[in-house]
Protein backbone atom coordinates (compact mmCIF):
# COMPACT_ATOMS: atom_id res chain seq x y z
CA UNK A 1 0.00 0.00 0.00
CA UNK A 2 1.20 3.49 -0.87
CA UNK A 3 -0.27 6.85 0.20
CA UNK A 4 0.27 9.95 -1.94
CA UNK A 5 -0.11 12.89 0.48
CA UNK A 6 -0.33 16.29 -1.21
CA UNK A 7 -0.57 19.75 0.31
CA UNK A 8 -1.43 22.77 -1.82
CA UNK A 9 -1.13 26.33 -0.54
CA UNK A 10 -3.22 29.16 -1.93
CA UNK A 11 -2.80 32.91 -1.93
CA UNK A 12 -4.53 34.19 1.23
CA UNK A 13 -8.25 34.65 0.68
CA UNK A 14 -8.48 32.36 -2.37
CA UNK A 15 -8.82 28.88 -0.84
CA UNK A 16 -12.60 28.70 -1.33
CA UNK A 17 -12.23 29.94 -4.92
CA UNK A 18 -9.60 27.27 -5.67
CA UNK A 19 -11.71 24.52 -4.10
CA UNK A 20 -14.77 25.62 -6.14
CA UNK A 21 -12.70 25.75 -9.33
CA UNK A 22 -11.36 22.23 -8.67
CA UNK A 23 -14.81 20.87 -7.80
CA UNK A 24 -16.24 22.21 -11.06
CA UNK A 25 -13.37 21.38 -13.43
CA UNK A 26 -11.04 18.79 -11.86
CA UNK A 27 -12.74 16.58 -9.26
CA UNK A 28 -14.57 14.18 -11.60
CA UNK A 29 -11.55 13.79 -13.89
CA UNK A 30 -9.14 13.08 -11.07
CA UNK A 31 -11.48 10.56 -9.43
CA UNK A 32 -11.97 8.84 -12.78
CA UNK A 33 -8.23 8.16 -12.98
CA UNK A 34 -7.10 7.89 -9.36
CA UNK A 35 -10.21 6.55 -7.66
CA UNK A 36 -11.76 7.90 -4.48
CA UNK A 37 -9.23 9.71 -2.24
CA UNK A 38 -8.77 8.71 1.37
CA UNK A 39 -9.05 12.39 2.30
CA UNK A 40 -9.62 15.71 0.56
CA UNK A 41 -10.07 18.81 2.67
CA UNK A 42 -8.99 22.25 3.82
CA UNK A 43 -6.52 22.63 6.69
CA UNK A 44 -8.16 23.96 9.87
CA UNK A 45 -5.03 24.69 11.95
CA UNK A 46 -1.55 25.74 10.90
CA UNK A 47 -1.53 27.17 7.39
CA UNK A 48 -5.25 27.75 6.88
CA UNK A 49 -4.60 28.83 3.29
CA UNK A 50 -3.91 25.22 2.32
CA UNK A 51 -5.70 21.97 1.61
CA UNK A 52 -4.64 18.34 1.66
CA UNK A 53 -5.56 15.29 -0.32
CA UNK A 54 -4.42 11.70 0.14
CA UNK A 55 -4.71 9.08 -2.59
CA UNK A 56 -4.18 5.36 -1.99
CA UNK A 57 -2.40 3.08 -4.46
CA UNK A 58 -1.44 -0.60 -4.44
CA UNK A 59 2.20 0.26 -5.13
CA UNK A 60 4.46 2.66 -7.04
CA UNK A 61 3.64 1.04 -10.38
CA UNK A 62 -0.11 1.46 -9.79
CA UNK A 63 0.42 5.12 -8.88
CA UNK A 64 2.63 5.73 -11.90
CA UNK A 65 0.19 4.09 -14.31
CA UNK A 66 -2.86 5.96 -12.99
CA UNK A 67 -1.10 9.33 -12.89
CA UNK A 68 0.26 8.85 -16.43
CA UNK A 69 -3.26 8.15 -17.70
CA UNK A 70 -4.54 11.28 -15.95
CA UNK A 71 -1.71 13.44 -17.30
CA UNK A 72 -2.51 12.32 -20.86
CA UNK A 73 -6.23 13.15 -20.47
CA UNK A 74 -7.10 16.35 -22.40
CA UNK A 75 -9.78 17.20 -19.82
CA UNK A 76 -7.13 17.16 -17.07
CA UNK A 77 -4.87 19.39 -19.19
CA UNK A 78 -7.80 21.81 -19.59
CA UNK A 79 -8.32 21.88 -15.81
CA UNK A 80 -4.62 22.54 -15.19
CA UNK A 81 -4.76 25.46 -17.63
CA UNK A 82 -7.83 26.95 -15.94
CA UNK A 83 -6.21 26.52 -12.52
CA UNK A 84 -2.95 28.12 -13.66
CA UNK A 85 -4.78 31.05 -15.21
CA UNK A 86 -6.73 31.62 -11.97
CA UNK A 87 -3.41 31.93 -10.15
CA UNK A 88 -4.71 30.90 -6.72
CA UNK A 89 -2.06 28.23 -6.02
CA UNK A 90 1.34 29.32 -4.77
CA UNK A 91 2.94 26.03 -3.71
CA UNK A 92 2.59 22.27 -3.72
CA UNK A 93 4.25 19.66 -1.50
CA UNK A 94 4.03 15.93 -2.24
CA UNK A 95 4.94 13.07 0.08
CA UNK A 96 4.80 9.35 -0.59
CA UNK A 97 4.00 7.49 2.63
CA UNK A 98 4.02 3.75 3.27
CA UNK A 99 2.33 2.15 6.28
CA UNK A 100 4.40 1.04 9.26
CA UNK A 101 4.78 -2.76 9.47
CA UNK A 102 2.39 -2.95 12.44
CA UNK A 103 -0.33 -0.78 10.82
CA UNK A 104 -3.25 -2.72 9.37
CA UNK A 105 -5.94 -0.71 7.61
C-alpha atoms as a PDB file:
ATOM      1  CA  UNK A   1       0.000   0.000   0.000  1.00  0.00           C
ATOM      2  CA  UNK A   2       1.196   3.493  -0.869  1.00  0.00           C
ATOM      3  CA  UNK A   3      -0.270   6.847   0.199  1.00  0.00           C
ATOM      4  CA  UNK A   4       0.267   9.953  -1.939  1.00  0.00           C
ATOM      5  CA  UNK A   5      -0.107  12.895   0.476  1.00  0.00           C
ATOM      6  CA  UNK A   6      -0.335  16.289  -1.207  1.00  0.00           C
ATOM      7  CA  UNK A   7      -0.566  19.752   0.314  1.00  0.00           C
ATOM      8  CA  UNK A   8      -1.435  22.772  -1.820  1.00  0.00           C
ATOM      9  CA  UNK A   9      -1.127  26.328  -0.542  1.00  0.00           C
ATOM     10  CA  UNK A  10      -3.220  29.161  -1.934  1.00  0.00           C
ATOM     11  CA  UNK A  11      -2.802  32.912  -1.930  1.00  0.00           C
ATOM     12  CA  UNK A  12      -4.532  34.193   1.234  1.00  0.00           C
ATOM     13  CA  UNK A  13      -8.254  34.649   0.684  1.00  0.00           C
ATOM     14  CA  UNK A  14      -8.480  32.362  -2.372  1.00  0.00           C
ATOM     15  CA  UNK A  15      -8.820  28.880  -0.844  1.00  0.00           C
ATOM     16  CA  UNK A  16     -12.596  28.703  -1.335  1.00  0.00           C
ATOM     17  CA  UNK A  17     -12.227  29.936  -4.918  1.00  0.00           C
ATOM     18  CA  UNK A  18      -9.602  27.271  -5.672  1.00  0.00           C
ATOM     19  CA  UNK A  19     -11.706  24.516  -4.102  1.00  0.00           C
ATOM     20  CA  UNK A  20     -14.767  25.617  -6.137  1.00  0.00           C
ATOM     21  CA  UNK A  21     -12.700  25.746  -9.331  1.00  0.00           C
ATOM     22  CA  UNK A  22     -11.364  22.231  -8.674  1.00  0.00           C
ATOM     23  CA  UNK A  23     -14.814  20.873  -7.804  1.00  0.00           C
ATOM     24  CA  UNK A  24     -16.238  22.209 -11.063  1.00  0.00           C
ATOM     25  CA  UNK A  25     -13.367  21.378 -13.432  1.00  0.00           C
ATOM     26  CA  UNK A  26     -11.036  18.792 -11.857  1.00  0.00           C
ATOM     27  CA  UNK A  27     -12.740  16.582  -9.257  1.00  0.00           C
ATOM     28  CA  UNK A  28     -14.566  14.179 -11.602  1.00  0.00           C
ATOM     29  CA  UNK A  29     -11.550  13.792 -13.887  1.00  0.00           C
ATOM     30  CA  UNK A  30      -9.138  13.077 -11.067  1.00  0.00           C
ATOM     31  CA  UNK A  31     -11.483  10.565  -9.430  1.00  0.00           C
ATOM     32  CA  UNK A  32     -11.968   8.839 -12.780  1.00  0.00           C
ATOM     33  CA  UNK A  33      -8.226   8.158 -12.983  1.00  0.00           C
ATOM     34  CA  UNK A  34      -7.101   7.893  -9.357  1.00  0.00           C
ATOM     35  CA  UNK A  35     -10.213   6.549  -7.663  1.00  0.00           C
ATOM     36  CA  UNK A  36     -11.757   7.900  -4.484  1.00  0.00           C
ATOM     37  CA  UNK A  37      -9.228   9.712  -2.244  1.00  0.00           C
ATOM     38  CA  UNK A  38      -8.767   8.706   1.372  1.00  0.00           C
ATOM     39  CA  UNK A  39      -9.054  12.393   2.298  1.00  0.00           C
ATOM     40  CA  UNK A  40      -9.619  15.714   0.557  1.00  0.00           C
ATOM     41  CA  UNK A  41     -10.069  18.812   2.667  1.00  0.00           C
ATOM     42  CA  UNK A  42      -8.992  22.253   3.821  1.00  0.00           C
ATOM     43  CA  UNK A  43      -6.525  22.633   6.690  1.00  0.00           C
ATOM     44  CA  UNK A  44      -8.156  23.963   9.866  1.00  0.00           C
ATOM     45  CA  UNK A  45      -5.030  24.692  11.949  1.00  0.00           C
ATOM     46  CA  UNK A  46      -1.554  25.741  10.896  1.00  0.00           C
ATOM     47  CA  UNK A  47      -1.531  27.169   7.393  1.00  0.00           C
ATOM     48  CA  UNK A  48      -5.247  27.751   6.878  1.00  0.00           C
ATOM     49  CA  UNK A  49      -4.598  28.830   3.291  1.00  0.00           C
ATOM     50  CA  UNK A  50      -3.911  25.222   2.320  1.00  0.00           C
ATOM     51  CA  UNK A  51      -5.696  21.970   1.609  1.00  0.00           C
ATOM     52  CA  UNK A  52      -4.637  18.336   1.655  1.00  0.00           C
ATOM     53  CA  UNK A  53      -5.564  15.287  -0.323  1.00  0.00           C
ATOM     54  CA  UNK A  54      -4.419  11.705   0.142  1.00  0.00           C
ATOM     55  CA  UNK A  55      -4.706   9.075  -2.586  1.00  0.00           C
ATOM     56  CA  UNK A  56      -4.176   5.362  -1.994  1.00  0.00           C
ATOM     57  CA  UNK A  57      -2.403   3.083  -4.463  1.00  0.00           C
ATOM     58  CA  UNK A  58      -1.442  -0.599  -4.444  1.00  0.00           C
ATOM     59  CA  UNK A  59       2.201   0.257  -5.126  1.00  0.00           C
ATOM     60  CA  UNK A  60       4.462   2.663  -7.038  1.00  0.00           C
ATOM     61  CA  UNK A  61       3.637   1.039 -10.384  1.00  0.00           C
ATOM     62  CA  UNK A  62      -0.114   1.456  -9.786  1.00  0.00           C
ATOM     63  CA  UNK A  63       0.416   5.121  -8.885  1.00  0.00           C
ATOM     64  CA  UNK A  64       2.628   5.734 -11.895  1.00  0.00           C
ATOM     65  CA  UNK A  65       0.185   4.092 -14.310  1.00  0.00           C
ATOM     66  CA  UNK A  66      -2.864   5.960 -12.988  1.00  0.00           C
ATOM     67  CA  UNK A  67      -1.103   9.331 -12.886  1.00  0.00           C
ATOM     68  CA  UNK A  68       0.257   8.854 -16.429  1.00  0.00           C
ATOM     69  CA  UNK A  69      -3.264   8.154 -17.700  1.00  0.00           C
ATOM     70  CA  UNK A  70      -4.536  11.282 -15.946  1.00  0.00           C
ATOM     71  CA  UNK A  71      -1.705  13.440 -17.303  1.00  0.00           C
ATOM     72  CA  UNK A  72      -2.509  12.319 -20.856  1.00  0.00           C
ATOM     73  CA  UNK A  73      -6.225  13.154 -20.473  1.00  0.00           C
ATOM     74  CA  UNK A  74      -7.104  16.353 -22.402  1.00  0.00           C
ATOM     75  CA  UNK A  75      -9.780  17.199 -19.816  1.00  0.00           C
ATOM     76  CA  UNK A  76      -7.125  17.158 -17.068  1.00  0.00           C
ATOM     77  CA  UNK A  77      -4.870  19.390 -19.186  1.00  0.00           C
ATOM     78  CA  UNK A  78      -7.795  21.806 -19.586  1.00  0.00           C
ATOM     79  CA  UNK A  79      -8.323  21.879 -15.815  1.00  0.00           C
ATOM     80  CA  UNK A  80      -4.616  22.544 -15.192  1.00  0.00           C
ATOM     81  CA  UNK A  81      -4.761  25.464 -17.634  1.00  0.00           C
ATOM     82  CA  UNK A  82      -7.834  26.945 -15.936  1.00  0.00           C
ATOM     83  CA  UNK A  83      -6.209  26.524 -12.522  1.00  0.00           C
ATOM     84  CA  UNK A  84      -2.947  28.122 -13.660  1.00  0.00           C
ATOM     85  CA  UNK A  85      -4.782  31.053 -15.210  1.00  0.00           C
ATOM     86  CA  UNK A  86      -6.734  31.624 -11.975  1.00  0.00           C
ATOM     87  CA  UNK A  87      -3.412  31.931 -10.145  1.00  0.00           C
ATOM     88  CA  UNK A  88      -4.711  30.896  -6.716  1.00  0.00           C
ATOM     89  CA  UNK A  89      -2.062  28.227  -6.024  1.00  0.00           C
ATOM     90  CA  UNK A  90       1.343  29.325  -4.766  1.00  0.00           C
ATOM     91  CA  UNK A  91       2.942  26.027  -3.710  1.00  0.00           C
ATOM     92  CA  UNK A  92       2.591  22.266  -3.722  1.00  0.00           C
ATOM     93  CA  UNK A  93       4.251  19.656  -1.498  1.00  0.00           C
ATOM     94  CA  UNK A  94       4.028  15.927  -2.244  1.00  0.00           C
ATOM     95  CA  UNK A  95       4.942  13.068   0.078  1.00  0.00           C
ATOM     96  CA  UNK A  96       4.804   9.348  -0.592  1.00  0.00           C
ATOM     97  CA  UNK A  97       4.005   7.494   2.634  1.00  0.00           C
ATOM     98  CA  UNK A  98       4.025   3.750   3.269  1.00  0.00           C
ATOM     99  CA  UNK A  99       2.329   2.152   6.282  1.00  0.00           C
ATOM    100  CA  UNK A 100       4.404   1.044   9.256  1.00  0.00           C
ATOM    101  CA  UNK A 101       4.781  -2.758   9.474  1.00  0.00           C
ATOM    102  CA  UNK A 102       2.388  -2.947  12.438  1.00  0.00           C
ATOM    103  CA  UNK A 103      -0.333  -0.783  10.817  1.00  0.00           C
ATOM    104  CA  UNK A 104      -3.255  -2.718   9.366  1.00  0.00           C
ATOM    105  CA  UNK A 105      -5.942  -0.711   7.614  1.00  0.00           C
END
